N, C-alpha and C. Protein backbone atom coordinates (compact mmCIF):
# COMPACT_ATOMS: atom_id res chain seq x y z
N GLN A 1 -63.27 49.18 30.12
CA GLN A 1 -62.63 49.95 29.07
C GLN A 1 -63.18 51.36 29.01
N GLU A 2 -64.49 51.50 29.19
CA GLU A 2 -65.11 52.82 29.14
C GLU A 2 -64.61 53.69 30.29
N LYS A 3 -64.52 53.14 31.49
CA LYS A 3 -64.02 53.89 32.64
C LYS A 3 -62.57 54.31 32.42
N GLN A 4 -61.77 53.41 31.86
CA GLN A 4 -60.37 53.72 31.61
C GLN A 4 -60.22 54.82 30.58
N ALA A 5 -61.24 54.98 29.73
CA ALA A 5 -61.23 56.04 28.73
C ALA A 5 -61.86 57.33 29.28
N ASN A 6 -62.02 57.39 30.61
CA ASN A 6 -62.59 58.55 31.30
C ASN A 6 -64.00 58.89 30.86
N LYS A 7 -64.76 57.87 30.51
CA LYS A 7 -66.17 58.07 30.16
C LYS A 7 -67.02 57.80 31.40
N THR A 8 -68.15 58.47 31.48
CA THR A 8 -69.08 58.23 32.58
C THR A 8 -69.83 56.94 32.29
N VAL A 9 -69.87 56.05 33.29
CA VAL A 9 -70.52 54.76 33.14
C VAL A 9 -71.71 54.69 34.09
N VAL A 10 -72.88 54.48 33.52
CA VAL A 10 -74.12 54.43 34.29
C VAL A 10 -74.73 53.04 34.13
N MET A 11 -75.08 52.43 35.24
CA MET A 11 -75.82 51.17 35.18
C MET A 11 -77.30 51.51 35.20
N LEU A 12 -78.00 51.07 34.15
CA LEU A 12 -79.46 51.19 34.11
C LEU A 12 -80.01 49.79 34.28
N SER A 13 -80.70 49.55 35.37
CA SER A 13 -81.16 48.21 35.69
C SER A 13 -82.68 48.13 35.74
N ASP A 14 -83.21 47.08 35.11
CA ASP A 14 -84.64 46.77 35.22
C ASP A 14 -84.86 45.66 36.24
N PHE A 15 -83.84 45.35 37.01
CA PHE A 15 -83.97 44.29 38.01
C PHE A 15 -84.91 44.75 39.11
N TYR A 16 -85.60 43.81 39.73
CA TYR A 16 -86.66 44.15 40.69
C TYR A 16 -86.13 44.44 42.09
N CYS A 17 -85.20 45.35 42.18
CA CYS A 17 -84.73 45.83 43.47
C CYS A 17 -84.25 47.26 43.28
N ASN A 18 -84.07 47.95 44.37
CA ASN A 18 -83.66 49.35 44.27
C ASN A 18 -82.15 49.47 44.07
N SER A 19 -81.72 50.67 43.80
CA SER A 19 -80.30 50.90 43.52
C SER A 19 -79.43 50.63 44.74
N ALA A 20 -79.94 50.86 45.95
CA ALA A 20 -79.15 50.58 47.16
C ALA A 20 -78.82 49.09 47.26
N THR A 21 -79.74 48.25 46.89
CA THR A 21 -79.50 46.80 46.89
C THR A 21 -78.47 46.44 45.83
N LEU A 22 -78.57 47.05 44.66
CA LEU A 22 -77.59 46.79 43.60
C LEU A 22 -76.19 47.21 44.06
N VAL A 23 -76.09 48.37 44.71
CA VAL A 23 -74.80 48.83 45.22
C VAL A 23 -74.25 47.83 46.23
N PHE A 24 -75.08 47.33 47.12
CA PHE A 24 -74.67 46.34 48.11
C PHE A 24 -74.09 45.10 47.42
N TRP A 25 -74.78 44.59 46.42
CA TRP A 25 -74.29 43.41 45.69
C TRP A 25 -72.99 43.69 44.96
N LEU A 26 -72.92 44.87 44.31
CA LEU A 26 -71.71 45.22 43.57
C LEU A 26 -70.51 45.35 44.51
N LYS A 27 -70.73 45.90 45.70
CA LYS A 27 -69.65 46.00 46.69
C LYS A 27 -69.18 44.61 47.11
N ASN A 28 -70.13 43.72 47.32
CA ASN A 28 -69.76 42.35 47.70
C ASN A 28 -68.99 41.64 46.60
N LEU A 29 -69.24 42.00 45.36
CA LEU A 29 -68.51 41.43 44.23
C LEU A 29 -67.20 42.16 43.96
N GLY A 30 -67.02 43.31 44.62
CA GLY A 30 -65.80 44.09 44.43
C GLY A 30 -65.76 44.87 43.13
N VAL A 31 -66.94 45.18 42.57
CA VAL A 31 -66.97 45.88 41.29
C VAL A 31 -67.77 47.19 41.36
N GLU A 32 -67.97 47.71 42.56
CA GLU A 32 -68.77 48.92 42.70
C GLU A 32 -68.12 50.12 42.01
N ASN A 33 -66.81 50.10 41.86
CA ASN A 33 -66.10 51.21 41.22
C ASN A 33 -66.18 51.19 39.71
N CYS A 34 -66.86 50.20 39.14
CA CYS A 34 -67.01 50.12 37.68
C CYS A 34 -68.05 51.11 37.17
N PHE A 35 -68.87 51.66 38.08
CA PHE A 35 -69.98 52.52 37.67
C PHE A 35 -69.91 53.86 38.40
N ASP A 36 -70.21 54.92 37.65
CA ASP A 36 -70.29 56.25 38.26
C ASP A 36 -71.65 56.46 38.90
N TYR A 37 -72.68 55.90 38.28
CA TYR A 37 -74.05 56.03 38.78
C TYR A 37 -74.78 54.72 38.56
N ILE A 38 -75.72 54.44 39.45
CA ILE A 38 -76.55 53.24 39.32
C ILE A 38 -78.01 53.68 39.42
N ILE A 39 -78.77 53.36 38.39
CA ILE A 39 -80.17 53.73 38.33
C ILE A 39 -80.99 52.46 38.19
N SER A 40 -81.92 52.26 39.09
CA SER A 40 -82.81 51.11 39.03
C SER A 40 -84.21 51.55 38.64
N SER A 41 -84.83 50.79 37.77
CA SER A 41 -86.19 51.13 37.35
C SER A 41 -87.14 51.20 38.53
N SER A 42 -86.90 50.39 39.55
CA SER A 42 -87.81 50.40 40.70
C SER A 42 -87.71 51.69 41.52
N ASP A 43 -86.60 52.40 41.42
CA ASP A 43 -86.46 53.68 42.13
C ASP A 43 -87.31 54.78 41.49
N TYR A 44 -87.55 54.67 40.20
CA TYR A 44 -88.20 55.75 39.46
C TYR A 44 -89.49 55.32 38.76
N ASP A 45 -89.85 54.05 38.90
CA ASP A 45 -91.05 53.51 38.27
C ASP A 45 -91.03 53.75 36.76
N LYS A 46 -89.86 53.50 36.17
CA LYS A 46 -89.68 53.62 34.72
C LYS A 46 -88.91 52.40 34.25
N GLU A 47 -89.21 51.89 33.06
CA GLU A 47 -88.57 50.67 32.58
C GLU A 47 -87.82 50.91 31.27
N LYS A 48 -86.78 50.11 31.07
CA LYS A 48 -86.08 50.14 29.79
C LYS A 48 -86.99 49.64 28.68
N ALA A 49 -87.82 48.65 28.98
CA ALA A 49 -88.67 48.02 27.97
C ALA A 49 -89.65 49.00 27.33
N THR A 50 -89.99 50.07 28.03
CA THR A 50 -90.89 51.09 27.48
C THR A 50 -90.12 52.29 26.93
N GLY A 51 -88.83 52.34 27.22
CA GLY A 51 -88.00 53.47 26.81
C GLY A 51 -87.97 54.59 27.85
N LYS A 52 -88.86 54.54 28.83
CA LYS A 52 -88.95 55.63 29.81
C LYS A 52 -87.71 55.76 30.68
N LEU A 53 -87.04 54.64 31.00
CA LEU A 53 -85.82 54.73 31.81
C LEU A 53 -84.69 55.37 31.02
N TYR A 54 -84.61 55.08 29.73
CA TYR A 54 -83.59 55.72 28.88
C TYR A 54 -83.84 57.23 28.79
N LYS A 55 -85.08 57.61 28.53
CA LYS A 55 -85.42 59.04 28.41
C LYS A 55 -85.13 59.76 29.72
N PHE A 56 -85.44 59.12 30.85
CA PHE A 56 -85.15 59.70 32.16
C PHE A 56 -83.65 59.92 32.34
N ALA A 57 -82.85 58.90 32.04
CA ALA A 57 -81.40 58.99 32.22
C ALA A 57 -80.78 60.03 31.29
N ILE A 58 -81.25 60.07 30.06
CA ILE A 58 -80.73 61.06 29.10
C ILE A 58 -80.98 62.47 29.62
N LYS A 59 -82.18 62.70 30.16
CA LYS A 59 -82.50 64.02 30.70
C LYS A 59 -81.75 64.29 32.00
N LYS A 60 -81.72 63.30 32.90
CA LYS A 60 -81.06 63.47 34.21
C LYS A 60 -79.58 63.84 34.06
N PHE A 61 -78.90 63.19 33.14
CA PHE A 61 -77.46 63.41 32.97
C PHE A 61 -77.15 64.39 31.84
N ASP A 62 -78.19 64.96 31.25
CA ASP A 62 -78.03 65.92 30.15
C ASP A 62 -77.08 65.36 29.08
N VAL A 63 -77.44 64.17 28.62
CA VAL A 63 -76.60 63.42 27.69
C VAL A 63 -77.01 63.70 26.25
N ASN A 64 -76.04 63.92 25.41
CA ASN A 64 -76.28 63.90 23.98
C ASN A 64 -76.39 62.43 23.62
N SER A 65 -77.59 61.97 23.30
CA SER A 65 -77.81 60.53 23.10
C SER A 65 -76.92 59.94 22.01
N LYS A 66 -76.46 60.76 21.08
CA LYS A 66 -75.57 60.26 20.02
C LYS A 66 -74.16 59.95 20.56
N CYS A 67 -73.87 60.43 21.77
CA CYS A 67 -72.55 60.21 22.38
C CYS A 67 -72.59 59.13 23.45
N ALA A 68 -73.71 58.44 23.58
CA ALA A 68 -73.85 57.42 24.61
C ALA A 68 -74.10 56.05 23.97
N THR A 69 -73.61 55.02 24.64
CA THR A 69 -73.80 53.66 24.15
C THR A 69 -74.37 52.80 25.26
N MET A 70 -75.39 52.03 24.93
CA MET A 70 -75.99 51.06 25.84
C MET A 70 -75.40 49.70 25.52
N TYR A 71 -74.91 49.01 26.53
CA TYR A 71 -74.44 47.63 26.37
C TYR A 71 -75.42 46.74 27.12
N GLY A 72 -75.93 45.71 26.48
CA GLY A 72 -76.87 44.84 27.16
C GLY A 72 -77.07 43.52 26.45
N ASP A 73 -77.77 42.62 27.12
CA ASP A 73 -77.98 41.28 26.57
C ASP A 73 -79.41 41.04 26.10
N ASN A 74 -80.32 41.95 26.39
CA ASN A 74 -81.71 41.75 26.01
C ASN A 74 -82.00 42.50 24.71
N CYS A 75 -82.40 41.75 23.68
CA CYS A 75 -82.60 42.37 22.36
C CYS A 75 -83.65 43.48 22.38
N TRP A 76 -84.74 43.28 23.11
CA TRP A 76 -85.80 44.29 23.12
C TRP A 76 -85.44 45.47 24.02
N SER A 77 -85.27 45.20 25.31
CA SER A 77 -85.08 46.29 26.28
C SER A 77 -83.75 47.01 26.12
N ASP A 78 -82.69 46.25 25.91
CA ASP A 78 -81.35 46.83 25.90
C ASP A 78 -80.92 47.35 24.53
N ILE A 79 -81.36 46.71 23.49
CA ILE A 79 -80.89 47.10 22.16
C ILE A 79 -81.95 47.91 21.40
N PHE A 80 -83.09 47.30 21.13
CA PHE A 80 -84.11 47.97 20.34
C PHE A 80 -84.59 49.26 20.98
N MET A 81 -84.98 49.19 22.25
CA MET A 81 -85.53 50.39 22.91
C MET A 81 -84.46 51.47 23.09
N ALA A 82 -83.24 51.07 23.38
CA ALA A 82 -82.17 52.07 23.48
C ALA A 82 -82.00 52.80 22.15
N ARG A 83 -82.01 52.04 21.06
CA ARG A 83 -81.89 52.66 19.74
C ARG A 83 -83.09 53.54 19.42
N MET A 84 -84.28 53.12 19.85
CA MET A 84 -85.49 53.94 19.63
C MET A 84 -85.38 55.28 20.37
N CYS A 85 -84.60 55.30 21.43
CA CYS A 85 -84.40 56.54 22.20
C CYS A 85 -83.19 57.32 21.72
N GLY A 86 -82.59 56.89 20.62
CA GLY A 86 -81.49 57.63 20.02
C GLY A 86 -80.10 57.23 20.48
N LEU A 87 -80.01 56.20 21.31
CA LEU A 87 -78.69 55.75 21.79
C LEU A 87 -78.08 54.73 20.84
N LYS A 88 -76.78 54.67 20.83
CA LYS A 88 -76.12 53.53 20.19
C LYS A 88 -76.31 52.36 21.14
N ALA A 89 -76.39 51.16 20.62
CA ALA A 89 -76.58 50.00 21.48
C ALA A 89 -75.79 48.81 20.93
N LYS A 90 -75.14 48.10 21.84
CA LYS A 90 -74.33 46.94 21.45
C LYS A 90 -74.75 45.74 22.30
N LYS A 91 -75.01 44.64 21.63
CA LYS A 91 -75.41 43.42 22.32
C LYS A 91 -74.18 42.70 22.84
N ILE A 92 -74.26 42.27 24.08
CA ILE A 92 -73.18 41.46 24.66
C ILE A 92 -73.66 40.03 24.81
N LYS A 93 -72.75 39.12 24.72
CA LYS A 93 -73.09 37.71 24.90
C LYS A 93 -72.92 37.36 26.36
N VAL A 94 -73.88 36.63 26.88
CA VAL A 94 -73.84 36.22 28.28
C VAL A 94 -73.74 34.69 28.31
N LYS A 95 -72.77 34.20 29.07
CA LYS A 95 -72.67 32.76 29.24
C LYS A 95 -73.71 32.31 30.24
N ARG A 96 -74.50 31.35 29.86
CA ARG A 96 -75.56 30.86 30.77
C ARG A 96 -75.27 29.45 31.18
């Protein structure tokens, strides 16, 4: 929905692999076009859980944090820390 609304969509990942690996997996799933940029914490040695990955992305993309929304399933890293960095954050439900 965000892409269809011409918004920039960035994947911020704390997964333990680099962004090239994430791109490879996304291509295999056929969803690589869902994201404009992919940032992995392992590429920059910054984590969402500390807020450093959010601060890095906000600066890198020169984002007005009030105009950005984080969608995630982790209450601490994705919701609380994103909000602590000034972003809007929405929790998504994940079927397990």
